[in-house]
Amino acid sequence: MPCLSLVPFLVLPPLRYRGLTLVLTFVFYASFHLSRKPISIVKVSAVPGIFLLLLLLFNMLASACIVTCFPDQANYNELFGALDNAFLVAYAIGMFISGIFGERLPLRYYLSGGMVLSGLFTSLFGLAYFWEIHVLWYYIIIQICNGLVQTTGWPSVVTCVGNWFGKGKRGLIMGIWNSHTSVGNILGSLIAGVWVSSAWGLSFIVPGIIIAIMGIVCFLFLVEYPEVTLSADDGSCSRENTIDSSEYPKEPAEQPGAISFLGALRIPGVVEFSLCLLFAKLVSYTFLYWLPLYIVNVAHFSAKEAGDLSTLFDVGGILGGILAGLISDYTDGRATTCCVMLIVAAPMLFLYNHVGQNGIGSSIAMLIVCGALVNGPYALITTAVSADLGTHECLKGNAKALSTVTAIIDGTGSVGAALGPLLAGLISPTGWNNVFYMLITADILACLFLSRVVYKEIKGWCGCYTRKRGYVLLKSQVCRVFL
C-alpha cells in the first residue's frame, strides 16, 4: 500500500525515529498552545470593537440576562474571565468525544487534520479585523469550531509518545516533554504582543499560519509506532519488529477493535486518576487565572511585577513535572508520588497565603515550591499515567485504547479547570483566605480519590519485599546445607 508520507526519504535508525517523534510532538503541542494564547493578550488591549464583541459573546454563551455592555465597563475583566471559563467547559466536553474518534482514525491524519483546521479557524478569527466583520454569530461559530478541533491535540501526542517509550522511562521523559505547554504560551504571548496595539488581527493570523504549517509537517514526518519501518525503494509502508518488543508497546498484528468509552472506564485506575486530576487541575488553573490579581491585591506589586512573578509558578511546574516523573520511575509508584506531593502541597498553600508575601525573596521561593507541588501531579497524570493506563496489561496488547483513556482523564480534568476559576471568582469577594481554603480542600480531595490505588501500590511493594526477603533466607539455608 502506498505510504502518503515523506518519511521514507528520512532513512534513520529506529532510535533516531524515537527522538524525532519526541521532538515533533513537543513542537506540535507547543503550537496548539501558541494558537490559544492570542485571545488572552488581545483582550487586554484598548480595542473597542473586540471588547464589545467578546462581551456580547460572553452574555450569549452564559445565557445571562440582556444588559448593555460597553468597552469601558468596569467589570470587563470578570466578564472575560467567565468567557475563558466557558471555553474550558466546551473544551472539556469535546475532549471526551475526541478520544473516541482518535482510536478509530489514523493517528497521523487525525492530528494533522486537527492542526490545519485549528490554524484555519484561528486565522479566520483574526481576518475579521481586516474584513471588518461585526456579526456576533461569526465569532461564536469560529470559537466553537476552534474549541472542538483543538481537542485533537492532547490525546494524539500522548498516544504517540506512549507508543515509543517503555513504561520504565515514561515518567522522566514525559516530565521534561510536558514543558511544551509553557513554551507554547510564552511564544504565543510574544507573537501576539507584536501586533496587539496596531493590527490585532495579525495576532491571530500569524499563530494560525504557524500551527497549520506544523500540521503539514505532522502529516509528512510523524511516525506513530516504533514497529514501522519504511522502505525508501518502493515508497511502501511495512511493519517489522525492528525494536525490542519488551521495551515498547506494540500495535498487535490482528488489529483488534478500538475500546469503547465504558470499556476504558473499566480499566483499573482510570476513574481514580480522572477524579484526582479534576481537583488537581482545579487548583492549577485557579492559580493560572487568579495569581496575578492576588499578587497585586495582597502583596501590592505593580501589574507588570505581578505578571513577572506569576511566571515563577509555571517554572516550578516544569521542575515539579520532571521531579514527579523521575521519582515515579524509580519507585514504580505513580499514585503514591502524586499523593505525597499533593499532601505536602496543602500546608505549602497555607504558608504561601500567610507568609509568602512578606518580601520578594519569600514570594519567589514559595511560588516555585507551590508550582512544583501543584503542577507536578497534574503533569504526571496527564502524561505518564495516561500512557500507562492506555497500555494496561488488562488490554492484552490492544493499542487502540491510549487515545480514549487520555481523553477521559484530561477531559475530566478540564471540568476542574473550568470550575476552579469560577469558584475563585465567586469566593474571592469574601476574602482571599477563603479562596485558599477552597484550594486546600480540593487538594485533599484529590489525595482521597487516589487512596485505593496508593494502597495497592504499597501492598505490592510489601509483597515484593517479602518475596525478596524469602529468597534471601532460602538461599542462606541452602548454603548451610552444602557447607
Protein backbone atom coordinates (compact mmCIF):
# COMPACT_ATOMS: atom_id res chain seq x y z
CA MET A 1 0.00 0.00 0.00
CA PRO A 2 1.46 3.41 -0.91
CA CYS A 3 2.57 5.47 2.06
CA LEU A 4 1.42 9.10 1.97
CA SER A 5 4.46 10.40 3.80
CA LEU A 6 7.89 11.85 3.18
CA VAL A 7 9.38 9.78 5.99
CA PRO A 8 10.78 7.17 3.53
CA PHE A 9 13.25 9.80 2.39
CA LEU A 10 14.49 10.05 6.00
CA VAL A 11 16.04 6.61 6.41
CA LEU A 12 17.04 6.68 10.06
CA PRO A 13 17.82 4.04 12.68
CA PRO A 14 14.78 3.19 14.85
CA LEU A 15 16.17 5.01 17.89
CA ARG A 16 16.58 8.16 15.78
CA TYR A 17 12.89 7.95 14.88
CA ARG A 18 12.12 7.82 18.58
CA GLY A 19 14.00 11.06 19.17
CA LEU A 20 12.37 12.62 16.11
CA THR A 21 8.92 11.67 17.38
CA LEU A 22 9.62 13.21 20.78
CA VAL A 23 10.79 16.50 19.23
CA LEU A 24 7.94 16.63 16.72
CA THR A 25 5.19 16.02 19.28
CA PHE A 26 6.78 18.64 21.56
CA VAL A 27 6.66 21.22 18.75
CA PHE A 28 3.17 20.18 17.67
CA TYR A 29 1.56 20.64 21.07
CA ALA A 30 3.52 23.82 21.73
CA SER A 31 1.92 25.18 18.54
CA PHE A 32 -1.53 24.30 19.93
CA HIS A 33 -0.88 26.48 22.98
CA LEU A 34 0.74 29.13 20.78
CA SER A 35 -2.54 29.44 18.84
CA ARG A 36 -4.66 29.59 22.02
CA LYS A 37 -2.73 32.40 23.66
CA PRO A 38 -3.55 35.43 21.43
CA ILE A 39 -7.06 35.95 22.78
CA SER A 40 -5.72 36.41 26.32
CA ILE A 41 -3.29 39.04 25.01
CA VAL A 42 -5.67 40.88 22.71
CA LYS A 43 -8.47 41.12 25.25
CA VAL A 44 -6.42 43.43 27.48
CA SER A 45 -5.65 45.86 24.67
CA ALA A 46 -7.65 49.02 24.14
CA VAL A 47 -9.56 47.82 21.09
CA PRO A 48 -13.24 48.75 21.48
CA GLY A 49 -14.51 46.51 18.68
CA ILE A 50 -13.13 43.27 20.05
CA PHE A 51 -14.10 44.25 23.61
CA LEU A 52 -17.73 44.78 22.65
CA LEU A 53 -17.97 41.63 20.54
CA LEU A 54 -16.44 39.37 23.18
CA LEU A 55 -18.55 40.87 25.93
CA LEU A 56 -21.65 40.15 23.88
CA LEU A 57 -20.30 36.69 23.16
CA PHE A 58 -19.99 36.01 26.87
CA ASN A 59 -23.56 37.07 27.50
CA MET A 60 -24.78 34.80 24.72
CA LEU A 61 -22.81 31.75 25.90
CA ALA A 62 -23.67 32.21 29.54
CA SER A 63 -27.38 32.81 28.78
CA ALA A 64 -27.22 35.82 31.01
CA CYS A 65 -29.88 38.46 31.17
CA ILE A 66 -29.70 41.12 28.49
CA VAL A 67 -27.61 44.02 29.65
CA THR A 68 -25.95 46.95 27.94
CA CYS A 69 -22.22 46.22 27.55
CA PHE A 70 -19.71 48.91 26.83
CA PRO A 71 -15.95 48.54 26.20
CA ASP A 72 -15.07 50.70 29.18
CA GLN A 73 -17.26 48.77 31.59
CA ALA A 74 -15.52 48.41 34.95
CA ASN A 75 -16.08 44.66 35.22
CA TYR A 76 -14.86 43.64 31.76
CA ASN A 77 -12.03 41.57 33.29
CA GLU A 78 -14.55 39.45 35.17
CA LEU A 79 -16.62 39.01 32.01
CA PHE A 80 -13.59 37.91 30.03
CA GLY A 81 -12.69 35.52 32.85
CA ALA A 82 -16.13 33.97 32.52
CA LEU A 83 -15.59 33.72 28.76
CA ASP A 84 -12.37 31.79 29.40
CA ASN A 85 -14.35 29.54 31.70
CA ALA A 86 -16.98 28.92 29.02
CA PHE A 87 -14.25 27.90 26.55
CA LEU A 88 -12.78 25.45 29.07
CA VAL A 89 -16.18 23.81 29.56
CA ALA A 90 -16.61 23.43 25.80
CA TYR A 91 -13.09 22.04 25.53
CA ALA A 92 -13.81 19.52 28.30
CA ILE A 93 -16.94 18.25 26.56
CA GLY A 94 -15.17 17.99 23.22
CA MET A 95 -12.25 16.11 24.78
CA PHE A 96 -14.43 13.10 25.66
CA ILE A 97 -15.59 12.86 22.03
CA SER A 98 -12.12 13.43 20.62
CA GLY A 99 -10.62 10.33 22.23
CA ILE A 100 -13.27 8.09 20.69
CA PHE A 101 -12.55 9.39 17.19
CA GLY A 102 -8.80 9.26 17.81
CA GLU A 103 -8.87 5.49 18.33
CA ARG A 104 -10.80 4.88 15.10
CA LEU A 105 -8.91 7.14 12.70
CA PRO A 106 -5.25 7.02 11.57
CA LEU A 107 -3.42 8.97 14.23
CA ARG A 108 -1.22 10.95 11.84
CA TYR A 109 -4.18 12.04 9.74
CA TYR A 110 -6.27 12.87 12.79
CA LEU A 111 -3.60 15.05 14.43
CA SER A 112 -2.50 16.82 11.25
CA GLY A 113 -6.11 17.48 10.22
CA GLY A 114 -6.88 18.98 13.63
CA MET A 115 -3.82 21.23 13.45
CA VAL A 116 -4.63 22.51 9.95
CA LEU A 117 -8.26 23.18 10.91
CA SER A 118 -7.16 24.90 14.11
CA GLY A 119 -4.90 27.15 12.06
CA LEU A 120 -7.80 27.89 9.72
CA PHE A 121 -10.24 28.90 12.48
CA THR A 122 -7.61 30.89 14.37
CA SER A 123 -6.78 32.82 11.20
CA LEU A 124 -10.46 33.37 10.40
CA PHE A 125 -10.90 34.99 13.80
CA GLY A 126 -8.08 37.42 13.00
CA LEU A 127 -9.24 38.04 9.42
CA ALA A 128 -12.44 39.53 10.84
CA TYR A 129 -10.35 42.59 11.75
CA PHE A 130 -9.39 43.19 8.11
CA TRP A 131 -12.77 42.17 6.70
CA GLU A 132 -14.46 44.48 9.25
CA ILE A 133 -16.89 41.79 10.34
CA HIS A 134 -19.13 42.89 13.19
CA VAL A 135 -21.61 40.00 13.16
CA LEU A 136 -21.71 38.30 16.55
CA TRP A 137 -22.53 34.85 15.22
CA TYR A 138 -19.34 34.82 13.14
CA TYR A 139 -17.22 34.93 16.30
CA ILE A 140 -19.43 32.42 18.09
CA ILE A 141 -19.15 29.85 15.30
CA ILE A 142 -15.39 30.35 14.94
CA GLN A 143 -14.82 29.91 18.68
CA ILE A 144 -16.95 26.76 18.88
CA CYS A 145 -15.27 25.16 15.86
CA ASN A 146 -11.79 26.08 17.06
CA GLY A 147 -12.51 24.67 20.51
CA LEU A 148 -13.61 21.35 19.04
CA VAL A 149 -10.63 20.87 16.71
CA GLN A 150 -8.20 21.86 19.49
CA THR A 151 -9.19 18.67 21.35
CA THR A 152 -7.47 16.54 18.71
CA GLY A 153 -4.05 17.55 20.05
CA TRP A 154 -3.54 16.14 23.51
CA PRO A 155 -4.81 12.54 23.08
CA SER A 156 -2.84 12.22 19.84
CA VAL A 157 0.55 13.44 21.07
CA VAL A 158 0.34 11.44 24.32
CA THR A 159 -0.53 8.33 22.32
CA CYS A 160 2.48 8.83 20.03
CA VAL A 161 4.91 9.30 22.91
CA GLY A 162 3.34 6.41 24.83
CA ASN A 163 3.82 4.14 21.82
CA TRP A 164 7.52 4.97 21.54
CA PHE A 165 8.66 4.95 25.16
CA GLY A 166 8.51 1.99 27.51
CA LYS A 167 6.82 2.26 30.90
CA GLY A 168 10.07 2.40 32.84
CA LYS A 169 11.19 5.57 31.07
CA ARG A 170 7.93 7.45 30.64
CA GLY A 171 7.89 9.43 33.87
CA LEU A 172 11.13 11.37 33.44
CA ILE A 173 10.91 11.72 29.66
CA MET A 174 7.30 12.90 29.71
CA GLY A 175 8.03 15.20 32.63
CA ILE A 176 10.60 17.02 30.51
CA TRP A 177 8.46 16.77 27.38
CA ASN A 178 5.45 18.30 29.16
CA SER A 179 7.18 21.70 29.24
CA HIS A 180 5.80 22.26 25.74
CA THR A 181 2.79 23.94 27.34
CA SER A 182 4.87 26.71 28.87
CA VAL A 183 6.98 27.09 25.73
CA GLY A 184 3.86 27.49 23.59
CA ASN A 185 2.33 30.02 25.97
CA ILE A 186 5.50 32.12 26.03
CA LEU A 187 5.86 32.10 22.24
CA GLY A 188 2.17 32.86 21.77
CA SER A 189 2.41 35.86 24.08
CA LEU A 190 5.46 37.23 22.30
CA ILE A 191 4.00 36.80 18.82
CA ALA A 192 0.59 38.24 19.71
CA GLY A 193 2.17 41.15 21.52
CA VAL A 194 3.88 42.40 18.34
CA TRP A 195 0.63 43.49 16.67
CA VAL A 196 -1.76 43.78 19.61
CA SER A 197 -1.79 47.59 19.61
CA SER A 198 -1.68 48.15 15.85
CA ALA A 199 -3.49 45.39 13.94
CA TRP A 200 -4.76 42.78 16.40
CA GLY A 201 -5.94 40.55 13.56
CA LEU A 202 -2.34 39.58 12.84
CA SER A 203 -2.04 38.38 16.45
CA PHE A 204 -4.35 35.54 15.39
CA ILE A 205 -3.38 35.10 11.74
CA VAL A 206 0.34 34.52 12.34
CA PRO A 207 -0.15 31.82 15.04
CA GLY A 208 -2.82 30.28 12.81
CA ILE A 209 -0.37 30.01 9.93
CA ILE A 210 2.28 28.53 12.22
CA ILE A 211 0.06 25.72 13.56
CA ALA A 212 -1.22 24.97 10.04
CA ILE A 213 2.36 24.60 8.79
CA MET A 214 3.11 22.32 11.75
CA GLY A 215 0.07 20.26 10.75
CA ILE A 216 1.57 19.72 7.29
CA VAL A 217 4.89 18.75 8.90
CA CYS A 218 2.98 16.28 11.09
CA PHE A 219 1.33 14.71 8.06
CA LEU A 220 4.63 14.30 6.25
CA PHE A 221 7.00 13.19 9.01
CA LEU A 222 5.23 11.75 12.06
CA VAL A 223 5.80 8.03 12.73
CA GLU A 224 3.12 6.66 15.02
CA TYR A 225 4.57 3.30 16.11
CA PRO A 226 8.14 2.04 16.72
CA GLU A 227 7.45 -1.06 14.62
CA VAL A 228 7.00 0.99 11.46
CA THR A 229 9.98 0.72 9.12
CA LEU A 230 9.72 2.48 5.80
CA SER A 231 11.23 1.27 2.58
CA ALA A 232 12.79 4.04 0.53
CA ASP A 233 12.96 1.79 -2.55
CA ASP A 234 9.26 1.50 -3.40
CA GLY A 235 7.78 4.09 -1.01
CA SER A 236 5.66 1.45 0.74
CA CYS A 237 4.97 1.05 4.43
CA SER A 238 5.67 -2.17 6.28
CA ARG A 239 5.69 -3.17 9.92
CA GLU A 240 8.63 -5.12 11.24
CA ASN A 241 9.80 -5.88 14.73
CA THR A 242 12.91 -3.70 14.48
CA ILE A 243 12.89 -2.65 18.13
CA ASP A 244 12.77 -4.86 21.18
CA SER A 245 9.08 -5.53 21.81
CA SER A 246 9.65 -5.82 25.54
CA GLU A 247 10.65 -2.16 25.74
CA TYR A 248 7.89 -0.57 23.66
CA PRO A 249 4.16 -1.19 23.47
CA LYS A 250 3.42 -2.78 20.14
CA GLU A 251 0.43 -2.50 17.86
CA PRO A 252 -0.92 -6.04 17.50
CA ALA A 253 -0.86 -7.65 14.06
CA GLU A 254 -4.55 -8.62 14.11
CA GLN A 255 -5.63 -5.02 14.79
CA PRO A 256 -8.37 -5.54 17.44
CA GLY A 257 -11.22 -3.07 17.55
CA ALA A 258 -10.98 0.22 19.39
CA ILE A 259 -12.02 0.16 23.01
CA SER A 260 -15.39 1.64 23.97
CA PHE A 261 -15.88 4.56 26.34
CA LEU A 262 -17.28 2.30 29.07
CA GLY A 263 -14.54 -0.23 28.42
CA ALA A 264 -11.93 2.46 29.03
CA LEU A 265 -13.62 3.42 32.30
CA ARG A 266 -13.32 -0.19 33.47
CA ILE A 267 -9.52 -0.14 33.19
CA PRO A 268 -8.21 -0.20 36.79
CA GLY A 269 -7.18 3.28 37.86
CA VAL A 270 -8.84 5.35 35.13
CA VAL A 271 -11.72 6.60 37.30
CA GLU A 272 -9.49 7.29 40.31
CA PHE A 273 -6.87 9.24 38.37
CA SER A 274 -9.56 11.12 36.42
CA LEU A 275 -11.25 12.36 39.59
CA CYS A 276 -7.89 13.17 41.15
CA LEU A 277 -6.96 15.23 38.11
CA LEU A 278 -10.27 17.09 38.30
CA PHE A 279 -9.31 18.57 41.67
CA ALA A 280 -5.59 18.89 40.88
CA LYS A 281 -6.35 20.83 37.71
CA LEU A 282 -8.89 22.94 39.62
CA VAL A 283 -6.06 24.16 41.86
CA SER A 284 -3.62 24.64 38.98
CA TYR A 285 -5.97 26.66 36.76
CA THR A 286 -7.15 28.79 39.66
CA PHE A 287 -3.55 29.88 40.09
CA LEU A 288 -3.20 30.35 36.33
CA TYR A 289 -6.10 32.81 36.08
CA TRP A 290 -6.09 34.47 39.52
CA LEU A 291 -2.49 34.53 40.73
CA PRO A 292 -1.53 37.91 39.16
CA LEU A 293 -4.58 39.60 40.67
CA TYR A 294 -3.85 38.02 44.06
CA ILE A 295 -0.26 39.30 43.99
CA VAL A 296 -1.43 42.83 43.11
CA ASN A 297 -4.10 42.92 45.83
CA VAL A 298 -2.20 41.22 48.66
CA ALA A 299 1.48 41.89 48.01
CA HIS A 300 0.80 45.30 46.42
CA PHE A 301 3.16 44.79 43.50
CA SER A 302 2.58 46.57 40.21
CA ALA A 303 0.73 44.77 37.42
CA LYS A 304 3.97 44.15 35.50
CA GLU A 305 5.77 42.82 38.58
CA ALA A 306 2.80 40.59 39.38
CA GLY A 307 2.85 39.19 35.86
CA ASP A 308 6.56 38.50 36.05
CA LEU A 309 6.24 36.83 39.46
CA SER A 310 3.32 34.65 38.33
CA THR A 311 5.55 33.01 35.70
CA LEU A 312 7.60 31.51 38.53
CA PHE A 313 4.63 29.29 39.33
CA ASP A 314 4.98 27.82 35.81
CA VAL A 315 8.74 27.44 36.30
CA GLY A 316 8.03 25.47 39.46
CA GLY A 317 5.52 23.40 37.50
CA ILE A 318 8.16 22.38 34.97
CA LEU A 319 10.54 21.36 37.76
CA GLY A 320 7.75 19.54 39.59
CA GLY A 321 6.76 17.57 36.49
CA ILE A 322 10.35 16.42 35.95
CA LEU A 323 10.78 15.55 39.65
CA ALA A 324 7.48 13.64 39.79
CA GLY A 325 8.39 11.67 36.69
CA LEU A 326 11.85 10.81 37.99
CA ILE A 327 10.58 9.65 41.39
CA SER A 328 7.70 7.64 39.93
CA ASP A 329 10.07 5.89 37.50
CA TYR A 330 12.44 4.96 40.33
CA THR A 331 9.72 3.77 42.73
CA ASP A 332 7.23 2.49 40.13
CA GLY A 333 4.55 4.24 42.17
CA ARG A 334 2.71 6.86 40.11
CA ALA A 335 -0.21 7.24 42.53
CA THR A 336 1.96 7.36 45.63
CA THR A 337 4.18 10.04 44.09
CA CYS A 338 1.14 12.16 43.22
CA CYS A 339 -0.41 11.65 46.65
CA VAL A 340 2.74 12.61 48.56
CA MET A 341 3.20 15.78 46.51
CA LEU A 342 -0.45 16.75 46.99
CA ILE A 343 -0.23 16.15 50.75
CA VAL A 344 2.83 18.37 51.02
CA ALA A 345 1.17 20.99 48.77
CA ALA A 346 -1.69 21.59 51.23
CA PRO A 347 0.41 23.15 54.04
CA MET A 348 2.58 24.94 51.46
CA LEU A 349 -0.52 26.67 50.06
CA PHE A 350 -1.46 27.73 53.59
CA LEU A 351 2.04 29.08 54.23
CA TYR A 352 2.15 30.95 50.93
CA ASN A 353 -1.09 32.74 51.74
CA HIS A 354 0.13 33.81 55.19
CA VAL A 355 3.90 34.35 54.89
CA GLY A 356 4.64 34.19 51.18
CA GLN A 357 4.01 37.89 50.64
CA ASN A 358 6.42 39.21 53.28
CA GLY A 359 9.08 40.05 50.70
CA ILE A 360 10.26 39.43 47.18
CA GLY A 361 12.54 36.58 48.28
CA SER A 362 9.82 34.66 50.09
CA SER A 363 7.41 35.23 47.20
CA ILE A 364 9.85 33.78 44.67
CA ALA A 365 10.70 30.75 46.81
CA MET A 366 7.10 29.95 47.74
CA LEU A 367 5.82 30.35 44.18
CA ILE A 368 8.39 27.91 42.81
CA VAL A 369 7.71 25.38 45.59
CA CYS A 370 3.93 25.66 45.27
CA GLY A 371 4.15 25.44 41.48
CA ALA A 372 6.21 22.26 41.70
CA LEU A 373 3.91 20.59 44.23
CA VAL A 374 0.66 21.60 42.50
CA ASN A 375 1.64 21.06 38.85
CA GLY A 376 3.88 18.02 39.42
CA PRO A 377 1.00 15.56 39.96
CA TYR A 378 -1.04 17.29 37.24
CA ALA A 379 1.78 16.83 34.72
CA LEU A 380 2.42 13.23 35.76
CA ILE A 381 -1.24 12.18 35.48
CA THR A 382 -1.82 13.76 32.08
CA THR A 383 1.31 12.21 30.58
CA ALA A 384 2.94 9.09 32.06
CA VAL A 385 -0.12 7.85 33.97
CA SER A 386 -2.37 8.26 30.91
CA ALA A 387 0.14 6.35 28.79
CA ASP A 388 0.45 3.60 31.42
CA LEU A 389 -3.31 3.12 31.72
CA GLY A 390 -3.78 3.24 27.96
CA THR A 391 -1.40 0.27 27.63
CA HIS A 392 -2.59 -1.57 30.76
CA GLU A 393 -1.98 -5.31 30.91
CA CYS A 394 -5.74 -5.98 31.05
CA LEU A 395 -5.97 -4.74 27.44
CA LYS A 396 -3.88 -7.72 26.29
CA GLY A 397 -1.82 -5.72 23.80
CA ASN A 398 -4.69 -3.71 22.31
CA ALA A 399 -3.02 -0.46 21.25
CA LYS A 400 -6.33 1.25 20.44
CA ALA A 401 -7.11 2.44 23.95
CA LEU A 402 -4.48 5.07 24.68
CA SER A 403 -6.25 7.95 22.98
CA THR A 404 -9.60 7.24 24.64
CA VAL A 405 -8.05 6.85 28.09
CA THR A 406 -6.06 10.07 27.67
CA ALA A 407 -9.19 11.94 26.56
CA ILE A 408 -11.22 10.68 29.54
CA ILE A 409 -8.58 11.67 32.06
CA ASP A 410 -7.81 15.07 30.56
CA GLY A 411 -11.48 15.77 29.79
CA THR A 412 -12.41 15.15 33.43
CA GLY A 413 -9.51 17.35 34.49
CA SER A 414 -10.73 20.11 32.19
CA VAL A 415 -14.02 20.19 34.10
CA GLY A 416 -11.99 21.06 37.19
CA ALA A 417 -10.06 23.63 35.17
CA ALA A 418 -13.37 25.33 34.40
CA LEU A 419 -14.72 25.10 37.94
CA GLY A 420 -11.62 26.45 39.68
CA PRO A 421 -11.56 30.00 38.23
CA LEU A 422 -15.35 30.19 38.50
CA LEU A 423 -15.35 29.27 42.19
CA ALA A 424 -12.46 31.63 42.86
CA GLY A 425 -14.45 34.46 41.29
CA LEU A 426 -17.44 33.69 43.49
CA ILE A 427 -15.44 33.24 46.71
CA SER A 428 -12.82 36.00 46.37
CA PRO A 429 -15.20 38.84 47.39
CA THR A 430 -15.43 37.16 50.81
CA GLY A 431 -11.63 37.24 51.22
CA TRP A 432 -8.56 35.58 49.72
CA ASN A 433 -8.22 33.33 52.77
CA ASN A 434 -11.42 31.56 51.76
CA VAL A 435 -10.08 31.03 48.23
CA PHE A 436 -7.02 29.28 49.63
CA TYR A 437 -9.19 27.17 51.95
CA MET A 438 -11.10 26.07 48.86
CA LEU A 439 -7.84 25.18 47.10
CA ILE A 440 -6.56 23.22 50.10
CA THR A 441 -9.86 21.32 50.27
CA ALA A 442 -9.61 20.44 46.58
CA ASP A 443 -6.04 19.30 47.14
CA ILE A 444 -7.11 16.96 49.95
CA LEU A 445 -9.98 15.56 47.85
CA ALA A 446 -7.52 14.80 45.06
CA CYS A 447 -5.48 12.73 47.54
CA LEU A 448 -8.54 10.86 48.79
CA PHE A 449 -9.53 9.72 45.31
CA LEU A 450 -6.10 8.13 44.92
CA SER A 451 -6.13 6.37 48.28
CA ARG A 452 -7.23 2.98 46.91
CA VAL A 453 -4.56 2.99 44.18
CA VAL A 454 -1.91 4.09 46.70
CA TYR A 455 -2.91 1.22 48.99
CA LYS A 456 -2.49 -1.27 46.14
CA GLU A 457 0.94 0.14 45.27
CA ILE A 458 2.13 -0.03 48.88
CA LYS A 459 0.74 -3.56 49.18
CA GLY A 460 2.64 -4.52 46.02
CA TRP A 461 5.85 -3.07 47.42
CA CYS A 462 5.42 -5.04 50.66
CA GLY A 463 4.76 -8.24 48.73
CA CYS A 464 7.83 -7.67 46.58
CA TYR A 465 9.95 -7.05 49.69
CA THR A 466 8.60 -10.21 51.34
CA ARG A 467 9.39 -12.30 48.26
CA LYS A 468 12.91 -10.92 48.04
CA ARG A 469 13.44 -11.49 51.74
CA GLY A 470 12.16 -15.07 51.44
CA TYR A 471 14.51 -15.69 48.53
CA VAL A 472 17.49 -14.46 50.57
CA LEU A 473 16.52 -16.66 53.55
CA LEU A 474 16.06 -19.70 51.30
CA LYS A 475 19.40 -19.08 49.64
CA SER A 476 21.16 -18.85 53.02
CA GLN A 477 19.57 -22.12 54.17
CA VAL A 478 20.72 -23.90 51.00
CA CYS A 479 24.25 -22.62 51.57
CA ARG A 480 24.25 -24.00 55.12
CA VAL A 481 23.21 -27.45 53.82
CA PHE A 482 26.06 -27.60 51.32
CA LEU A 483 28.57 -26.24 53.85
